[in-house]
Structure formats: C-alpha cells, structure tokens
Amino acid sequence: VLALLLALAQLGNGAVAVWSIRTFVAIFRGTP
C-alpha cells in the first residue's frame, strides 16, 4: 500500500515530494 502511494506520488509535478521520496528510497535501498 505504501509503495503504491509512493509510486503514484512520483508521477506528480511536485519536485519537493519527488525528491523526498527518492531520498527515502535511496536510504532504505542503500542500507542493510
């Protein structure tokens, strides 16, 4: 459910929201 919301949010035009989500993704994918 959270992944779907994050994926849909990245389709929007809000740069702040997109970069916030990408930062979250980078942190949790890049750490054990």
ModelCIF file with pLDDT and N, C-alpha, C, O atoms, coordinates in Angstrom:
data_MODEL
#
_entry.id   MODEL 
#
_entity.id                         1 
_entity.type                       polymer 
_entity.pdbx_number_of_molecules   1 
#
_entity_poly.entity_id                      1 
_entity_poly.type                           'polypeptide(L)' 
_entity_poly.nstd_linkage                   no 
_entity_poly.nstd_monomer                   no 
_entity_poly.pdbx_seq_one_letter_code       VLALLLALAQLGNGAVAVWSIRTFVAIFRGTP 
_entity_poly.pdbx_seq_one_letter_code_can   VLALLLALAQLGNGAVAVWSIRTFVAIFRGTP 
_entity_poly.pdbx_strand_id                 A 
#
loop_
_entity_poly_seq.entity_id 
_entity_poly_seq.num 
_entity_poly_seq.mon_id 
_entity_poly_seq.hetero 
1 1  VAL n 
1 2  LEU n 
1 3  ALA n 
1 4  LEU n 
1 5  LEU n 
1 6  LEU n 
1 7  ALA n 
1 8  LEU n 
1 9  ALA n 
1 10 GLN n 
1 11 LEU n 
1 12 GLY n 
1 13 ASN n 
1 14 GLY n 
1 15 ALA n 
1 16 VAL n 
1 17 ALA n 
1 18 VAL n 
1 19 TRP n 
1 20 SER n 
1 21 ILE n 
1 22 ARG n 
1 23 THR n 
1 24 PHE n 
1 25 VAL n 
1 26 ALA n 
1 27 ILE n 
1 28 PHE n 
1 29 ARG n 
1 30 GLY n 
1 31 THR n 
1 32 PRO n 
#
_struct_asym.id          A 
_struct_asym.entity_id   1 
#
loop_
_ma_qa_metric.id 
_ma_qa_metric.mode 
_ma_qa_metric.name 
_ma_qa_metric.software_group_id 
_ma_qa_metric.type 
1 global pLDDT . pLDDT 
2 local  pLDDT . pLDDT 
#
_ma_qa_metric_global.metric_id      1 
_ma_qa_metric_global.metric_value   90.88 
_ma_qa_metric_global.model_id       1 
_ma_qa_metric_global.ordinal_id     1 
#
loop_
_ma_qa_metric_local.label_asym_id 
_ma_qa_metric_local.label_comp_id 
_ma_qa_metric_local.label_seq_id 
_ma_qa_metric_local.metric_id 
_ma_qa_metric_local.metric_value 
_ma_qa_metric_local.model_id 
_ma_qa_metric_local.ordinal_id 
A VAL 1  2 96.00 1 1  
A LEU 2  2 96.00 1 2  
A ALA 3  2 96.00 1 3  
A LEU 4  2 95.00 1 4  
A LEU 5  2 94.00 1 5  
A LEU 6  2 94.00 1 6  
A ALA 7  2 93.00 1 7  
A LEU 8  2 91.00 1 8  
A ALA 9  2 91.00 1 9  
A GLN 10 2 87.00 1 10 
A LEU 11 2 82.00 1 11 
A GLY 12 2 75.00 1 12 
A ASN 13 2 74.00 1 13 
A GLY 14 2 77.00 1 14 
A ALA 15 2 83.00 1 15 
A VAL 16 2 87.00 1 16 
A ALA 17 2 87.00 1 17 
A VAL 18 2 90.00 1 18 
A TRP 19 2 93.00 1 19 
A SER 20 2 93.00 1 20 
A ILE 21 2 93.00 1 21 
A ARG 22 2 93.00 1 22 
A THR 23 2 95.00 1 23 
A PHE 24 2 95.00 1 24 
A VAL 25 2 95.00 1 25 
A ALA 26 2 95.00 1 26 
A ILE 27 2 95.00 1 27 
A PHE 28 2 95.00 1 28 
A ARG 29 2 94.00 1 29 
A GLY 30 2 94.00 1 30 
A THR 31 2 95.00 1 31 
A PRO 32 2 95.00 1 32 
#
loop_
_atom_site.group_PDB 
_atom_site.id 
_atom_site.type_symbol 
_atom_site.label_atom_id 
_atom_site.label_alt_id 
_atom_site.label_comp_id 
_atom_site.label_asym_id 
_atom_site.label_entity_id 
_atom_site.label_seq_id 
_atom_site.pdbx_PDB_ins_code 
_atom_site.Cartn_x 
_atom_site.Cartn_y 
_atom_site.Cartn_z 
_atom_site.occupancy 
_atom_site.B_iso_or_equiv 
_atom_site.pdbx_formal_charge 
_atom_site.auth_seq_id 
_atom_site.auth_comp_id 
_atom_site.auth_asym_id 
_atom_site.auth_atom_id 
_atom_site.pdbx_PDB_model_num 
ATOM 1   N N  . VAL A 1 1  ? 0.838  -1.206 0.000   1.00 96.00 ? 1  VAL A N  1 
ATOM 2   C CA . VAL A 1 1  ? 0.000  0.000  0.000   1.00 96.00 ? 1  VAL A CA 1 
ATOM 3   C C  . VAL A 1 1  ? 0.873  1.256  0.000   1.00 96.00 ? 1  VAL A C  1 
ATOM 4   O O  . VAL A 1 1  ? 0.628  2.188  -0.766  1.00 96.00 ? 1  VAL A O  1 
ATOM 5   N N  . LEU A 1 2  ? 1.890  1.274  0.861   1.00 96.00 ? 2  LEU A N  1 
ATOM 6   C CA . LEU A 1 2  ? 2.791  2.429  0.921   1.00 96.00 ? 2  LEU A CA 1 
ATOM 7   C C  . LEU A 1 2  ? 3.586  2.571  -0.376  1.00 96.00 ? 2  LEU A C  1 
ATOM 8   O O  . LEU A 1 2  ? 3.787  3.686  -0.856  1.00 96.00 ? 2  LEU A O  1 
ATOM 9   N N  . ALA A 1 3  ? 4.036  1.462  -0.943  1.00 96.00 ? 3  ALA A N  1 
ATOM 10  C CA . ALA A 1 3  ? 4.802  1.506  -2.196  1.00 96.00 ? 3  ALA A CA 1 
ATOM 11  C C  . ALA A 1 3  ? 3.959  2.070  -3.332  1.00 96.00 ? 3  ALA A C  1 
ATOM 12  O O  . ALA A 1 3  ? 4.453  2.850  -4.146  1.00 96.00 ? 3  ALA A O  1 
ATOM 13  N N  . LEU A 1 4  ? 2.692  1.679  -3.389  1.00 95.00 ? 4  LEU A N  1 
ATOM 14  C CA . LEU A 1 4  ? 1.816  2.183  -4.442  1.00 95.00 ? 4  LEU A CA 1 
ATOM 15  C C  . LEU A 1 4  ? 1.600  3.683  -4.296  1.00 95.00 ? 4  LEU A C  1 
ATOM 16  O O  . LEU A 1 4  ? 1.606  4.415  -5.286  1.00 95.00 ? 4  LEU A O  1 
ATOM 17  N N  . LEU A 1 5  ? 1.409  4.141  -3.060  1.00 94.00 ? 5  LEU A N  1 
ATOM 18  C CA . LEU A 1 5  ? 1.237  5.581  -2.830  1.00 94.00 ? 5  LEU A CA 1 
ATOM 19  C C  . LEU A 1 5  ? 2.496  6.352  -3.207  1.00 94.00 ? 5  LEU A C  1 
ATOM 20  O O  . LEU A 1 5  ? 2.412  7.425  -3.805  1.00 94.00 ? 5  LEU A O  1 
ATOM 21  N N  . LEU A 1 6  ? 3.655  5.812  -2.863  1.00 94.00 ? 6  LEU A N  1 
ATOM 22  C CA . LEU A 1 6  ? 4.910  6.477  -3.198  1.00 94.00 ? 6  LEU A CA 1 
ATOM 23  C C  . LEU A 1 6  ? 5.140  6.498  -4.706  1.00 94.00 ? 6  LEU A C  1 
ATOM 24  O O  . LEU A 1 6  ? 5.618  7.491  -5.254  1.00 94.00 ? 6  LEU A O  1 
ATOM 25  N N  . ALA A 1 7  ? 4.796  5.398  -5.371  1.00 93.00 ? 7  ALA A N  1 
ATOM 26  C CA . ALA A 1 7  ? 4.965  5.342  -6.825  1.00 93.00 ? 7  ALA A CA 1 
ATOM 27  C C  . ALA A 1 7  ? 4.058  6.347  -7.525  1.00 93.00 ? 7  ALA A C  1 
ATOM 28  O O  . ALA A 1 7  ? 4.477  7.019  -8.468  1.00 93.00 ? 7  ALA A O  1 
ATOM 29  N N  . LEU A 1 8  ? 2.818  6.446  -7.063  1.00 91.00 ? 8  LEU A N  1 
ATOM 30  C CA . LEU A 1 8  ? 1.880  7.397  -7.665  1.00 91.00 ? 8  LEU A CA 1 
ATOM 31  C C  . LEU A 1 8  ? 2.296  8.835  -7.378  1.00 91.00 ? 8  LEU A C  1 
ATOM 32  O O  . LEU A 1 8  ? 2.144  9.713  -8.228  1.00 91.00 ? 8  LEU A O  1 
ATOM 33  N N  . ALA A 1 9  ? 2.826  9.075  -6.168  1.00 91.00 ? 9  ALA A N  1 
ATOM 34  C CA . ALA A 1 9  ? 3.251  10.432 -5.814  1.00 91.00 ? 9  ALA A CA 1 
ATOM 35  C C  . ALA A 1 9  ? 4.390  10.914 -6.699  1.00 91.00 ? 9  ALA A C  1 
ATOM 36  O O  . ALA A 1 9  ? 4.519  12.111 -6.958  1.00 91.00 ? 9  ALA A O  1 
ATOM 37  N N  . GLN A 1 10 ? 5.217  9.979  -7.164  1.00 87.00 ? 10 GLN A N  1 
ATOM 38  C CA . GLN A 1 10 ? 6.342  10.367 -8.010  1.00 87.00 ? 10 GLN A CA 1 
ATOM 39  C C  . GLN A 1 10 ? 5.919  10.692 -9.439  1.00 87.00 ? 10 GLN A C  1 
ATOM 40  O O  . GLN A 1 10 ? 6.718  11.198 -10.227 1.00 87.00 ? 10 GLN A O  1 
ATOM 41  N N  . LEU A 1 11 ? 4.666  10.400 -9.770  1.00 82.00 ? 11 LEU A N  1 
ATOM 42  C CA . LEU A 1 11 ? 4.169  10.737 -11.102 1.00 82.00 ? 11 LEU A CA 1 
ATOM 43  C C  . LEU A 1 11 ? 3.727  12.192 -11.183 1.00 82.00 ? 11 LEU A C  1 
ATOM 44  O O  . LEU A 1 11 ? 3.502  12.715 -12.275 1.00 82.00 ? 11 LEU A O  1 
ATOM 45  N N  . GLY A 1 12 ? 3.602  12.849 -10.032 1.00 75.00 ? 12 GLY A N  1 
ATOM 46  C CA . GLY A 1 12 ? 3.162  14.240 -9.999  1.00 75.00 ? 12 GLY A CA 1 
ATOM 47  C C  . GLY A 1 12 ? 4.279  15.192 -10.361 1.00 75.00 ? 12 GLY A C  1 
ATOM 48  O O  . GLY A 1 12 ? 5.387  14.783 -10.708 1.00 75.00 ? 12 GLY A O  1 
ATOM 49  N N  . ASN A 1 13 ? 3.963  16.473 -10.271 1.00 74.00 ? 13 ASN A N  1 
ATOM 50  C CA . ASN A 1 13 ? 4.914  17.522 -10.647 1.00 74.00 ? 13 ASN A CA 1 
ATOM 51  C C  . ASN A 1 13 ? 5.580  18.198 -9.456  1.00 74.00 ? 13 ASN A C  1 
ATOM 52  O O  . ASN A 1 13 ? 6.359  19.135 -9.628  1.00 74.00 ? 13 ASN A O  1 
ATOM 53  N N  . GLY A 1 14 ? 5.276  17.727 -8.245  1.00 77.00 ? 14 GLY A N  1 
ATOM 54  C CA . GLY A 1 14 ? 5.865  18.348 -7.060  1.00 77.00 ? 14 GLY A CA 1 
ATOM 55  C C  . GLY A 1 14 ? 7.310  17.912 -6.862  1.00 77.00 ? 14 GLY A C  1 
ATOM 56  O O  . GLY A 1 14 ? 7.570  16.771 -6.478  1.00 77.00 ? 14 GLY A O  1 
ATOM 57  N N  . ALA A 1 15 ? 8.240  18.806 -7.120  1.00 83.00 ? 15 ALA A N  1 
ATOM 58  C CA . ALA A 1 15 ? 9.663  18.460 -7.038  1.00 83.00 ? 15 ALA A CA 1 
ATOM 59  C C  . ALA A 1 15 ? 10.074 18.090 -5.619  1.00 83.00 ? 15 ALA A C  1 
ATOM 60  O O  . ALA A 1 15 ? 10.865 17.168 -5.421  1.00 83.00 ? 15 ALA A O  1 
ATOM 61  N N  . VAL A 1 16 ? 9.537  18.807 -4.628  1.00 87.00 ? 16 VAL A N  1 
ATOM 62  C CA . VAL A 1 16 ? 9.899  18.534 -3.235  1.00 87.00 ? 16 VAL A CA 1 
ATOM 63  C C  . VAL A 1 16 ? 9.445  17.128 -2.833  1.00 87.00 ? 16 VAL A C  1 
ATOM 64  O O  . VAL A 1 16 ? 10.202 16.376 -2.219  1.00 87.00 ? 16 VAL A O  1 
ATOM 65  N N  . ALA A 1 17 ? 8.205  16.780 -3.185  1.00 87.00 ? 17 ALA A N  1 
ATOM 66  C CA . ALA A 1 17 ? 7.679  15.455 -2.848  1.00 87.00 ? 17 ALA A CA 1 
ATOM 67  C C  . ALA A 1 17 ? 8.472  14.356 -3.549  1.00 87.00 ? 17 ALA A C  1 
ATOM 68  O O  . ALA A 1 17 ? 8.794  13.331 -2.947  1.00 87.00 ? 17 ALA A O  1 
ATOM 69  N N  . VAL A 1 18 ? 8.783  14.576 -4.817  1.00 90.00 ? 18 VAL A N  1 
ATOM 70  C CA . VAL A 1 18 ? 9.516  13.568 -5.592  1.00 90.00 ? 18 VAL A CA 1 
ATOM 71  C C  . VAL A 1 18 ? 10.897 13.329 -5.005  1.00 90.00 ? 18 VAL A C  1 
ATOM 72  O O  . VAL A 1 18 ? 11.306 12.181 -4.828  1.00 90.00 ? 18 VAL A O  1 
ATOM 73  N N  . TRP A 1 19 ? 11.622 14.404 -4.700  1.00 93.00 ? 19 TRP A N  1 
ATOM 74  C CA . TRP A 1 19 ? 12.969 14.250 -4.164  1.00 93.00 ? 19 TRP A CA 1 
ATOM 75  C C  . TRP A 1 19 ? 12.955 13.695 -2.749  1.00 93.00 ? 19 TRP A C  1 
ATOM 76  O O  . TRP A 1 19 ? 13.881 12.987 -2.353  1.00 93.00 ? 19 TRP A O  1 
ATOM 77  N N  . SER A 1 20 ? 11.916 14.010 -1.983  1.00 93.00 ? 20 SER A N  1 
ATOM 78  C CA . SER A 1 20 ? 11.791 13.436 -0.643  1.00 93.00 ? 20 SER A CA 1 
ATOM 79  C C  . SER A 1 20 ? 11.602 11.923 -0.720  1.00 93.00 ? 20 SER A C  1 
ATOM 80  O O  . SER A 1 20 ? 12.208 11.166 0.038   1.00 93.00 ? 20 SER A O  1 
ATOM 81  N N  . ILE A 1 21 ? 10.756 11.505 -1.643  1.00 93.00 ? 21 ILE A N  1 
ATOM 82  C CA . ILE A 1 21 ? 10.507 10.070 -1.820  1.00 93.00 ? 21 ILE A CA 1 
ATOM 83  C C  . ILE A 1 21 ? 11.763 9.373  -2.316  1.00 93.00 ? 21 ILE A C  1 
ATOM 84  O O  . ILE A 1 21 ? 12.101 8.287  -1.846  1.00 93.00 ? 21 ILE A O  1 
ATOM 85  N N  . ARG A 1 22 ? 12.449 9.990  -3.259  1.00 93.00 ? 22 ARG A N  1 
ATOM 86  C CA . ARG A 1 22 ? 13.672 9.368  -3.782  1.00 93.00 ? 22 ARG A CA 1 
ATOM 87  C C  . ARG A 1 22 ? 14.757 9.271  -2.722  1.00 93.00 ? 22 ARG A C  1 
ATOM 88  O O  . ARG A 1 22 ? 15.540 8.322  -2.716  1.00 93.00 ? 22 ARG A O  1 
ATOM 89  N N  . THR A 1 23 ? 14.807 10.253 -1.820  1.00 95.00 ? 23 THR A N  1 
ATOM 90  C CA . THR A 1 23 ? 15.762 10.186 -0.711  1.00 95.00 ? 23 THR A CA 1 
ATOM 91  C C  . THR A 1 23 ? 15.422 9.031  0.219   1.00 95.00 ? 23 THR A C  1 
ATOM 92  O O  . THR A 1 23 ? 16.298 8.272  0.634   1.00 95.00 ? 23 THR A O  1 
ATOM 93  N N  . PHE A 1 24 ? 14.138 8.908  0.541   1.00 95.00 ? 24 PHE A N  1 
ATOM 94  C CA . PHE A 1 24 ? 13.678 7.786  1.367   1.00 95.00 ? 24 PHE A CA 1 
ATOM 95  C C  . PHE A 1 24 ? 14.033 6.454  0.723   1.00 95.00 ? 24 PHE A C  1 
ATOM 96  O O  . PHE A 1 24 ? 14.551 5.557  1.388   1.00 95.00 ? 24 PHE A O  1 
ATOM 97  N N  . VAL A 1 25 ? 13.756 6.323  -0.573  1.00 95.00 ? 25 VAL A N  1 
ATOM 98  C CA . VAL A 1 25 ? 14.040 5.079  -1.292  1.00 95.00 ? 25 VAL A CA 1 
ATOM 99  C C  . VAL A 1 25 ? 15.538 4.793  -1.292  1.00 95.00 ? 25 VAL A C  1 
ATOM 100 O O  . VAL A 1 25 ? 15.957 3.658  -1.063  1.00 95.00 ? 25 VAL A O  1 
ATOM 101 N N  . ALA A 1 26 ? 16.342 5.820  -1.547  1.00 95.00 ? 26 ALA A N  1 
ATOM 102 C CA . ALA A 1 26 ? 17.798 5.635  -1.586  1.00 95.00 ? 26 ALA A CA 1 
ATOM 103 C C  . ALA A 1 26 ? 18.337 5.169  -0.235  1.00 95.00 ? 26 ALA A C  1 
ATOM 104 O O  . ALA A 1 26 ? 19.225 4.318  -0.177  1.00 95.00 ? 26 ALA A O  1 
ATOM 105 N N  . ILE A 1 27 ? 17.802 5.724  0.843   1.00 95.00 ? 27 ILE A N  1 
ATOM 106 C CA . ILE A 1 27 ? 18.279 5.358  2.176   1.00 95.00 ? 27 ILE A CA 1 
ATOM 107 C C  . ILE A 1 27 ? 17.935 3.910  2.497   1.00 95.00 ? 27 ILE A C  1 
ATOM 108 O O  . ILE A 1 27 ? 18.789 3.159  2.968   1.00 95.00 ? 27 ILE A O  1 
ATOM 109 N N  . PHE A 1 28 ? 16.698 3.516  2.248   1.00 95.00 ? 28 PHE A N  1 
ATOM 110 C CA . PHE A 1 28 ? 16.272 2.176  2.634   1.00 95.00 ? 28 PHE A CA 1 
ATOM 111 C C  . PHE A 1 28 ? 16.745 1.107  1.658   1.00 95.00 ? 28 PHE A C  1 
ATOM 112 O O  . PHE A 1 28 ? 16.841 -0.062 2.031   1.00 95.00 ? 28 PHE A O  1 
ATOM 113 N N  . ARG A 1 29 ? 17.039 1.478  0.427   1.00 94.00 ? 29 ARG A N  1 
ATOM 114 C CA . ARG A 1 29 ? 17.621 0.507  -0.503  1.00 94.00 ? 29 ARG A CA 1 
ATOM 115 C C  . ARG A 1 29 ? 19.130 0.423  -0.353  1.00 94.00 ? 29 ARG A C  1 
ATOM 116 O O  . ARG A 1 29 ? 19.735 -0.587 -0.711  1.00 94.00 ? 29 ARG A O  1 
ATOM 117 N N  . GLY A 1 30 ? 19.736 1.467  0.170   1.00 94.00 ? 30 GLY A N  1 
ATOM 118 C CA . GLY A 1 30 ? 21.188 1.516  0.257   1.00 94.00 ? 30 GLY A CA 1 
ATOM 119 C C  . GLY A 1 30 ? 21.774 1.085  1.578   1.00 94.00 ? 30 GLY A C  1 
ATOM 120 O O  . GLY A 1 30 ? 22.995 1.012  1.720   1.00 94.00 ? 30 GLY A O  1 
ATOM 121 N N  . THR A 1 31 ? 20.915 0.792  2.563   1.00 95.00 ? 31 THR A N  1 
ATOM 122 C CA . THR A 1 31 ? 21.403 0.348  3.863   1.00 95.00 ? 31 THR A CA 1 
ATOM 123 C C  . THR A 1 31 ? 20.852 -1.048 4.171   1.00 95.00 ? 31 THR A C  1 
ATOM 124 O O  . THR A 1 31 ? 19.763 -1.393 3.713   1.00 95.00 ? 31 THR A O  1 
ATOM 125 N N  . PRO A 1 32 ? 21.588 -1.852 4.940   1.00 95.00 ? 32 PRO A N  1 
ATOM 126 C CA . PRO A 1 32 ? 21.123 -3.211 5.262   1.00 95.00 ? 32 PRO A CA 1 
ATOM 127 C C  . PRO A 1 32 ? 19.865 -3.197 6.119   1.00 95.00 ? 32 PRO A C  1 
ATOM 128 O O  . PRO A 1 32 ? 19.348 -4.256 6.474   1.00 95.00 ? 32 PRO A O  1 
#
